[in-house]
Amino acid sequence: MDKFYLTIRKITVAPIIAVVMLTVFFILIPEIFQSAFMYVLSLFCLGVLPLLAYPIQKHIPSYKNKGRDGQRTLTLPNLPLDGIK
């Protein structure tokens, strides 16, 4: 049962939900996006970049030992403000 909960937890990470919703919008309401490039750019900015906080955290000394809180604060908008030390 723990594997089930872990799978649900991974699937419902906000960037994954964003990718799913963007894809649904792209299929059902394609006029939202000016082009396929805008769709891919949206996927990158809302899906890929936030997910990079997880593997990148262990390589930035100021976030290395902060655990889950470090991952939450290691977002694209906060990165220039916090600085990489």
PDB file of N, CA and C in Angstrom:
ATOM      1  N   MET A   1       0.817  -1.196   0.000  1.00  0.00           N
ATOM      2  CA  MET A   1       0.000   0.000   0.000  1.00  0.00           C
ATOM      3  C   MET A   1       0.864   1.265   0.000  1.00  0.00           C
ATOM      4  N   ASP A   2       2.047   1.163   0.616  1.00  0.00           N
ATOM      5  CA  ASP A   2       2.937   2.324   0.639  1.00  0.00           C
ATOM      6  C   ASP A   2       3.404   2.705  -0.757  1.00  0.00           C
ATOM      7  N   LYS A   3       3.612   1.718  -1.624  1.00  0.00           N
ATOM      8  CA  LYS A   3       4.003   1.999  -3.007  1.00  0.00           C
ATOM      9  C   LYS A   3       2.901   2.777  -3.725  1.00  0.00           C
ATOM     10  N   PHE A   4       1.666   2.416  -3.451  1.00  0.00           N
ATOM     11  CA  PHE A   4       0.521   3.105  -4.056  1.00  0.00           C
ATOM     12  C   PHE A   4       0.517   4.575  -3.650  1.00  0.00           C
ATOM     13  N   TYR A   5       0.693   4.834  -2.348  1.00  0.00           N
ATOM     14  CA  TYR A   5       0.696   6.213  -1.862  1.00  0.00           C
ATOM     15  C   TYR A   5       1.872   7.006  -2.428  1.00  0.00           C
ATOM     16  N   LEU A   6       3.013   6.370  -2.528  1.00  0.00           N
ATOM     17  CA  LEU A   6       4.191   7.033  -3.090  1.00  0.00           C
ATOM     18  C   LEU A   6       3.980   7.370  -4.561  1.00  0.00           C
ATOM     19  N   THR A   7       3.346   6.473  -5.301  1.00  0.00           N
ATOM     20  CA  THR A   7       3.040   6.721  -6.709  1.00  0.00           C
ATOM     21  C   THR A   7       2.079   7.893  -6.850  1.00  0.00           C
ATOM     22  N   ILE A   8       1.032   7.919  -6.047  1.00  0.00           N
ATOM     23  CA  ILE A   8       0.069   9.032  -6.073  1.00  0.00           C
ATOM     24  C   ILE A   8       0.770  10.339  -5.727  1.00  0.00           C
ATOM     25  N   ARG A   9       1.662  10.297  -4.749  1.00  0.00           N
ATOM     26  CA  ARG A   9       2.390  11.504  -4.337  1.00  0.00           C
ATOM     27  C   ARG A   9       3.257  12.043  -5.473  1.00  0.00           C
ATOM     28  N   LYS A  10       3.914  11.139  -6.213  1.00  0.00           N
ATOM     29  CA  LYS A  10       4.774  11.568  -7.317  1.00  0.00           C
ATOM     30  C   LYS A  10       3.962  12.105  -8.489  1.00  0.00           C
ATOM     31  N   ILE A  11       2.835  11.484  -8.764  1.00  0.00           N
ATOM     32  CA  ILE A  11       2.007  11.903  -9.897  1.00  0.00           C
ATOM     33  C   ILE A  11       1.367  13.266  -9.647  1.00  0.00           C
ATOM     34  N   THR A  12       1.066  13.558  -8.406  1.00  0.00           N
ATOM     35  CA  THR A  12       0.353  14.800  -8.105  1.00  0.00           C
ATOM     36  C   THR A  12       1.272  15.962  -7.741  1.00  0.00           C
ATOM     37  N   VAL A  13       2.544  15.854  -8.066  1.00  0.00           N
ATOM     38  CA  VAL A  13       3.452  16.993  -7.895  1.00  0.00           C
ATOM     39  C   VAL A  13       2.969  18.103  -8.837  1.00  0.00           C
ATOM     40  N   ALA A  14       2.952  19.325  -8.358  1.00  0.00           N
ATOM     41  CA  ALA A  14       2.379  20.448  -9.114  1.00  0.00           C
ATOM     42  C   ALA A  14       2.880  20.559 -10.556  1.00  0.00           C
ATOM     43  N   PRO A  15       4.177  20.425 -10.833  1.00  0.00           N
ATOM     44  CA  PRO A  15       4.615  20.521 -12.233  1.00  0.00           C
ATOM     45  C   PRO A  15       4.021  19.433 -13.130  1.00  0.00           C
ATOM     46  N   ILE A  16       3.809  18.242 -12.589  1.00  0.00           N
ATOM     47  CA  ILE A  16       3.208  17.171 -13.379  1.00  0.00           C
ATOM     48  C   ILE A  16       1.760  17.518 -13.710  1.00  0.00           C
ATOM     49  N   ILE A  17       1.050  18.035 -12.739  1.00  0.00           N
ATOM     50  CA  ILE A  17      -0.331  18.461 -12.964  1.00  0.00           C
ATOM     51  C   ILE A  17      -0.365  19.583 -14.000  1.00  0.00           C
ATOM     52  N   ALA A  18       0.594  20.505 -13.938  1.00  0.00           N
ATOM     53  CA  ALA A  18       0.659  21.597 -14.913  1.00  0.00           C
ATOM     54  C   ALA A  18       0.876  21.062 -16.318  1.00  0.00           C
ATOM     55  N   VAL A  19       1.750  20.085 -16.470  1.00  0.00           N
ATOM     56  CA  VAL A  19       2.010  19.489 -17.787  1.00  0.00           C
ATOM     57  C   VAL A  19       0.749  18.808 -18.313  1.00  0.00           C
ATOM     58  N   VAL A  20       0.060  18.075 -17.450  1.00  0.00           N
ATOM     59  CA  VAL A  20      -1.176  17.402 -17.867  1.00  0.00           C
ATOM     60  C   VAL A  20      -2.221  18.423 -18.300  1.00  0.00           C
ATOM     61  N   MET A  21      -2.389  19.475 -17.510  1.00  0.00           N
ATOM     62  CA  MET A  21      -3.404  20.483 -17.841  1.00  0.00           C
ATOM     63  C   MET A  21      -3.043  21.245 -19.118  1.00  0.00           C
ATOM     64  N   LEU A  22      -1.789  21.591 -19.301  1.00  0.00           N
ATOM     65  CA  LEU A  22      -1.371  22.266 -20.531  1.00  0.00           C
ATOM     66  C   LEU A  22      -1.627  21.382 -21.744  1.00  0.00           C
ATOM     67  N   THR A  23      -1.379  20.094 -21.597  1.00  0.00           N
ATOM     68  CA  THR A  23      -1.611  19.166 -22.702  1.00  0.00           C
ATOM     69  C   THR A  23      -3.097  19.053 -23.009  1.00  0.00           C
ATOM     70  N   VAL A  24      -3.913  18.997 -21.974  1.00  0.00           N
ATOM     71  CA  VAL A  24      -5.370  18.965 -22.182  1.00  0.00           C
ATOM     72  C   VAL A  24      -5.823  20.233 -22.888  1.00  0.00           C
ATOM     73  N   PHE A  25      -5.331  21.376 -22.434  1.00  0.00           N
ATOM     74  CA  PHE A  25      -5.692  22.637 -23.095  1.00  0.00           C
ATOM     75  C   PHE A  25      -5.234  22.659 -24.546  1.00  0.00           C
ATOM     76  N   PHE A  26      -4.023  22.160 -24.789  1.00  0.00           N
ATOM     77  CA  PHE A  26      -3.483  22.161 -26.152  1.00  0.00           C
ATOM     78  C   PHE A  26      -4.331  21.281 -27.080  1.00  0.00           C
ATOM     79  N   ILE A  27      -4.842  20.187 -26.555  1.00  0.00           N
ATOM     80  CA  ILE A  27      -5.656  19.284 -27.364  1.00  0.00           C
ATOM     81  C   ILE A  27      -7.079  19.822 -27.540  1.00  0.00           C
ATOM     82  N   LEU A  28      -7.679  20.296 -26.455  1.00  0.00           N
ATOM     83  CA  LEU A  28      -9.088  20.708 -26.504  1.00  0.00           C
ATOM     84  C   LEU A  28      -9.298  22.148 -26.964  1.00  0.00           C
ATOM     85  N   ILE A  29      -8.384  23.037 -26.579  1.00  0.00           N
ATOM     86  CA  ILE A  29      -8.524  24.468 -26.909  1.00  0.00           C
ATOM     87  C   ILE A  29      -7.188  24.967 -27.452  1.00  0.00           C
ATOM     88  N   PRO A  30      -6.806  24.528 -28.647  1.00  0.00           N
ATOM     89  CA  PRO A  30      -5.468  24.871 -29.158  1.00  0.00           C
ATOM     90  C   PRO A  30      -5.265  26.362 -29.428  1.00  0.00           C
ATOM     91  N   GLU A  31      -6.345  27.121 -29.578  1.00  0.00           N
ATOM     92  CA  GLU A  31      -6.180  28.556 -29.850  1.00  0.00           C
ATOM     93  C   GLU A  31      -5.644  29.334 -28.647  1.00  0.00           C
ATOM     94  N   ILE A  32      -5.556  28.698 -27.498  1.00  0.00           N
ATOM     95  CA  ILE A  32      -4.953  29.343 -26.322  1.00  0.00           C
ATOM     96  C   ILE A  32      -3.483  29.642 -26.597  1.00  0.00           C
ATOM     97  N   PHE A  33      -2.836  28.740 -27.304  1.00  0.00           N
ATOM     98  CA  PHE A  33      -1.414  28.891 -27.609  1.00  0.00           C
ATOM     99  C   PHE A  33      -1.258  29.473 -29.009  1.00  0.00           C
ATOM    100  N   GLN A  34      -0.356  30.428 -29.163  1.00  0.00           N
ATOM    101  CA  GLN A  34      -0.134  31.043 -30.461  1.00  0.00           C
ATOM    102  C   GLN A  34       0.495  30.077 -31.450  1.00  0.00           C
ATOM    103  N   SER A  35       1.279  29.129 -30.935  1.00  0.00           N
ATOM    104  CA  SER A  35       1.941  28.150 -31.794  1.00  0.00           C
ATOM    105  C   SER A  35       2.346  26.951 -30.942  1.00  0.00           C
ATOM    106  N   ALA A  36       2.818  25.924 -31.613  1.00  0.00           N
ATOM    107  CA  ALA A  36       3.305  24.747 -30.891  1.00  0.00           C
ATOM    108  C   ALA A  36       4.531  25.108 -30.050  1.00  0.00           C
ATOM    109  N   PHE A  37       5.313  26.070 -30.533  1.00  0.00           N
ATOM    110  CA  PHE A  37       6.475  26.522 -29.764  1.00  0.00           C
ATOM    111  C   PHE A  37       6.046  27.099 -28.415  1.00  0.00           C
ATOM    112  N   MET A  38       4.963  27.861 -28.392  1.00  0.00           N
ATOM    113  CA  MET A  38       4.474  28.440 -27.139  1.00  0.00           C
ATOM    114  C   MET A  38       4.013  27.341 -26.175  1.00  0.00           C
ATOM    115  N   TYR A  39       3.428  26.297 -26.731  1.00  0.00           N
ATOM    116  CA  TYR A  39       3.024  25.149 -25.909  1.00  0.00           C
ATOM    117  C   TYR A  39       4.257  24.491 -25.287  1.00  0.00           C
ATOM    118  N   VAL A  40       5.277  24.249 -26.098  1.00  0.00           N
ATOM    119  CA  VAL A  40       6.504  23.622 -25.600  1.00  0.00           C
ATOM    120  C   VAL A  40       7.198  24.530 -24.590  1.00  0.00           C
ATOM    121  N   LEU A  41       7.217  25.807 -24.844  1.00  0.00           N
ATOM    122  CA  LEU A  41       7.808  26.759 -23.907  1.00  0.00           C
ATOM    123  C   LEU A  41       7.058  26.752 -22.577  1.00  0.00           C
ATOM    124  N   SER A  42       5.734  26.683 -22.641  1.00  0.00           N
ATOM    125  CA  SER A  42       4.922  26.601 -21.422  1.00  0.00           C
ATOM    126  C   SER A  42       5.227  25.320 -20.660  1.00  0.00           C
ATOM    127  N   LEU A  43       5.354  24.217 -21.370  1.00  0.00           N
ATOM    128  CA  LEU A  43       5.701  22.945 -20.724  1.00  0.00           C
ATOM    129  C   LEU A  43       7.047  23.044 -20.017  1.00  0.00           C
ATOM    130  N   PHE A  44       8.002  23.676 -20.691  1.00  0.00           N
ATOM    131  CA  PHE A  44       9.330  23.815 -20.109  1.00  0.00           C
ATOM    132  C   PHE A  44       9.307  24.683 -18.853  1.00  0.00           C
ATOM    133  N   CYS A  45       8.648  25.836 -18.949  1.00  0.00           N
ATOM    134  CA  CYS A  45       8.652  26.784 -17.824  1.00  0.00           C
ATOM    135  C   CYS A  45       7.816  26.310 -16.634  1.00  0.00           C
ATOM    136  N   LEU A  46       6.704  25.658 -16.900  1.00  0.00           N
ATOM    137  CA  LEU A  46       5.817  25.243 -15.813  1.00  0.00           C
ATOM    138  C   LEU A  46       6.007  23.790 -15.389  1.00  0.00           C
ATOM    139  N   GLY A  47       6.658  23.002 -16.231  1.00  0.00           N
ATOM    140  CA  GLY A  47       6.828  21.596 -15.907  1.00  0.00           C
ATOM    141  C   GLY A  47       8.260  21.192 -15.626  1.00  0.00           C
ATOM    142  N   VAL A  48       9.160  21.526 -16.528  1.00  0.00           N
ATOM    143  CA  VAL A  48      10.540  21.056 -16.406  1.00  0.00           C
ATOM    144  C   VAL A  48      11.331  21.877 -15.380  1.00  0.00           C
ATOM    145  N   LEU A  49      11.290  23.187 -15.495  1.00  0.00           N
ATOM    146  CA  LEU A  49      12.094  24.018 -14.585  1.00  0.00           C
ATOM    147  C   LEU A  49      11.784  23.778 -13.107  1.00  0.00           C
ATOM    148  N   PRO A  50      10.510  23.741 -12.708  1.00  0.00           N
ATOM    149  CA  PRO A  50      10.251  23.463 -11.283  1.00  0.00           C
ATOM    150  C   PRO A  50      10.725  22.077 -10.841  1.00  0.00           C
ATOM    151  N   LEU A  51      10.647  21.096 -11.726  1.00  0.00           N
ATOM    152  CA  LEU A  51      11.110  19.752 -11.365  1.00  0.00           C
ATOM    153  C   LEU A  51      12.616  19.687 -11.187  1.00  0.00           C
ATOM    154  N   LEU A  52      13.335  20.612 -11.797  1.00  0.00           N
ATOM    155  CA  LEU A  52      14.792  20.622 -11.666  1.00  0.00           C
ATOM    156  C   LEU A  52      15.256  20.969 -10.257  1.00  0.00           C
ATOM    157  N   ALA A  53      14.374  21.530  -9.441  1.00  0.00           N
ATOM    158  CA  ALA A  53      14.741  21.876  -8.066  1.00  0.00           C
ATOM    159  C   ALA A  53      15.146  20.636  -7.274  1.00  0.00           C
ATOM    160  N   TYR A  54      14.554  19.496  -7.585  1.00  0.00           N
ATOM    161  CA  TYR A  54      14.844  18.278  -6.825  1.00  0.00           C
ATOM    162  C   TYR A  54      16.278  17.786  -7.042  1.00  0.00           C
ATOM    163  N   PRO A  55      16.729  17.560  -8.284  1.00  0.00           N
ATOM    164  CA  PRO A  55      18.114  17.089  -8.438  1.00  0.00           C
ATOM    165  C   PRO A  55      19.170  18.174  -8.252  1.00  0.00           C
ATOM    166  N   ILE A  56      18.825  19.429  -8.514  1.00  0.00           N
ATOM    167  CA  ILE A  56      19.808  20.514  -8.412  1.00  0.00           C
ATOM    168  C   ILE A  56      20.109  20.871  -6.966  1.00  0.00           C
ATOM    169  N   GLN A  57      19.156  20.627  -6.074  1.00  0.00           N
ATOM    170  CA  GLN A  57      19.307  21.028  -4.682  1.00  0.00           C
ATOM    171  C   GLN A  57      20.593  20.497  -4.051  1.00  0.00           C
ATOM    172  N   LYS A  58      20.943  19.259  -4.328  1.00  0.00           N
ATOM    173  CA  LYS A  58      22.126  18.674  -3.681  1.00  0.00           C
ATOM    174  C   LYS A  58      23.444  19.222  -4.214  1.00  0.00           C
ATOM    175  N   HIS A  59      23.399  20.024  -5.270  1.00  0.00           N
ATOM    176  CA  HIS A  59      24.621  20.594  -5.841  1.00  0.00           C
ATOM    177  C   HIS A  59      24.824  22.060  -5.456  1.00  0.00           C
ATOM    178  N   ILE A  60      23.857  22.664  -4.782  1.00  0.00           N
ATOM    179  CA  ILE A  60      23.979  24.057  -4.344  1.00  0.00           C
ATOM    180  C   ILE A  60      24.198  24.053  -2.831  1.00  0.00           C
ATOM    181  N   PRO A  61      25.384  24.447  -2.388  1.00  0.00           N
ATOM    182  CA  PRO A  61      25.732  24.332  -0.966  1.00  0.00           C
ATOM    183  C   PRO A  61      24.730  24.973  -0.001  1.00  0.00           C
ATOM    184  N   SER A  62      24.184  26.124  -0.334  1.00  0.00           N
ATOM    185  CA  SER A  62      23.277  26.793   0.596  1.00  0.00           C
ATOM    186  C   SER A  62      21.930  26.075   0.729  1.00  0.00           C
ATOM    187  N   TYR A  63      21.614  25.172  -0.179  1.00  0.00           N
ATOM    188  CA  TYR A  63      20.356  24.427  -0.126  1.00  0.00           C
ATOM    189  C   TYR A  63      20.563  22.943   0.190  1.00  0.00           C
ATOM    190  N   LYS A  64      21.799  22.520   0.247  1.00  0.00           N
ATOM    191  CA  LYS A  64      22.136  21.099   0.327  1.00  0.00           C
ATOM    192  C   LYS A  64      21.491  20.384   1.517  1.00  0.00           C
ATOM    193  N   ASN A  65      21.518  20.963   2.670  1.00  0.00           N
ATOM    194  CA  ASN A  65      21.026  20.308   3.880  1.00  0.00           C
ATOM    195  C   ASN A  65      19.665  20.825   4.347  1.00  0.00           C
ATOM    196  N   LYS A  66      18.935  21.480   3.486  1.00  0.00           N
ATOM    197  CA  LYS A  66      17.640  22.054   3.886  1.00  0.00           C
ATOM    198  C   LYS A  66      16.461  21.124   3.635  1.00  0.00           C
ATOM    199  N   GLY A  67      16.704  19.990   2.993  1.00  0.00           N
ATOM    200  CA  GLY A  67      15.640  19.011   2.776  1.00  0.00           C
ATOM    201  C   GLY A  67      14.502  19.541   1.923  1.00  0.00           C
ATOM    202  N   ARG A  68      13.289  19.178   2.324  1.00  0.00           N
ATOM    203  CA  ARG A  68      12.095  19.550   1.552  1.00  0.00           C
ATOM    204  C   ARG A  68      11.900  21.068   1.502  1.00  0.00           C
ATOM    205  N   ASP A  69      12.202  21.768   2.588  1.00  0.00           N
ATOM    206  CA  ASP A  69      12.076  23.232   2.587  1.00  0.00           C
ATOM    207  C   ASP A  69      13.015  23.867   1.572  1.00  0.00           C
ATOM    208  N   GLY A  70      14.192  23.300   1.423  1.00  0.00           N
ATOM    209  CA  GLY A  70      15.137  23.796   0.425  1.00  0.00           C
ATOM    210  C   GLY A  70      14.621  23.610  -0.983  1.00  0.00           C
ATOM    211  N   GLN A  71      13.960  22.480  -1.217  1.00  0.00           N
ATOM    212  CA  GLN A  71      13.383  22.236  -2.537  1.00  0.00           C
ATOM    213  C   GLN A  71      12.260  23.224  -2.823  1.00  0.00           C
ATOM    214  N   ARG A  72      11.466  23.507  -1.827  1.00  0.00           N
ATOM    215  CA  ARG A  72      10.341  24.435  -2.027  1.00  0.00           C
ATOM    216  C   ARG A  72      10.819  25.846  -2.330  1.00  0.00           C
ATOM    217  N   THR A  73      11.883  26.252  -1.657  1.00  0.00           N
ATOM    218  CA  THR A  73      12.354  27.624  -1.880  1.00  0.00           C
ATOM    219  C   THR A  73      13.245  27.742  -3.106  1.00  0.00           C
ATOM    220  N   LEU A  74      13.716  26.610  -3.602  1.00  0.00           N
ATOM    221  CA  LEU A  74      14.593  26.621  -4.779  1.00  0.00           C
ATOM    222  C   LEU A  74      13.736  26.627  -6.048  1.00  0.00           C
ATOM    223  N   THR A  75      13.121  27.749  -6.294  1.00  0.00           N
ATOM    224  CA  THR A  75      12.307  27.906  -7.492  1.00  0.00           C
ATOM    225  C   THR A  75      12.917  28.980  -8.359  1.00  0.00           C
ATOM    226  N   LEU A  76      12.525  29.023  -9.608  1.00  0.00           N
ATOM    227  CA  LEU A  76      13.100  29.986 -10.538  1.00  0.00           C
ATOM    228  C   LEU A  76      12.939  31.433 -10.071  1.00  0.00           C
ATOM    229  N   PRO A  77      11.754  31.862  -9.607  1.00  0.00           N
ATOM    230  CA  PRO A  77      11.640  33.263  -9.177  1.00  0.00           C
ATOM    231  C   PRO A  77      12.478  33.579  -7.954  1.00  0.00           C
ATOM    232  N   ASN A  78      12.663  32.615  -7.056  1.00  0.00           N
ATOM    233  CA  ASN A  78      13.414  32.876  -5.826  1.00  0.00           C
ATOM    234  C   ASN A  78      14.924  32.773  -6.013  1.00  0.00           C
ATOM    235  N   LEU A  79      15.369  32.036  -7.008  1.00  0.00           N
ATOM    236  CA  LEU A  79      16.793  31.777  -7.175  1.00  0.00           C
ATOM    237  C   LEU A  79      17.637  33.055  -7.271  1.00  0.00           C
ATOM    238  N   PRO A  80      17.266  34.033  -8.118  1.00  0.00           N
ATOM    239  CA  PRO A  80      18.101  35.239  -8.182  1.00  0.00           C
ATOM    240  C   PRO A  80      18.088  36.026  -6.864  1.00  0.00           C
ATOM    241  N   LEU A  81      17.006  35.944  -6.105  1.00  0.00           N
ATOM    242  CA  LEU A  81      16.923  36.683  -4.856  1.00  0.00           C
ATOM    243  C   LEU A  81      17.743  36.022  -3.744  1.00  0.00           C
ATOM    244  N   ASP A  82      17.718  34.695  -3.705  1.00  0.00           N
ATOM    245  CA  ASP A  82      18.456  33.973  -2.663  1.00  0.00           C
ATOM    246  C   ASP A  82      19.942  33.927  -2.947  1.00  0.00           C
ATOM    247  N   GLY A  83      20.298  33.840  -4.189  1.00  0.00           N
ATOM    248  CA  GLY A  83      21.704  33.768  -4.560  1.00  0.00           C
ATOM    249  C   GLY A  83      22.260  32.372  -4.396  1.00  0.00           C
ATOM    250  N   ILE A  84      23.255  32.071  -5.172  1.00  0.00           N
ATOM    251  CA  ILE A  84      23.927  30.781  -5.066  1.00  0.00           C
ATOM    252  C   ILE A  84      25.250  31.026  -4.380  1.00  0.00           C
ATOM    253  N   LYS A  85      25.414  30.456  -3.211  1.00  0.00           N
ATOM    254  CA  LYS A  85      26.626  30.703  -2.410  1.00  0.00           C
ATOM    255  C   LYS A  85      27.552  29.530  -2.499  1.00  0.00           C
TER     256      LYS A  85
END
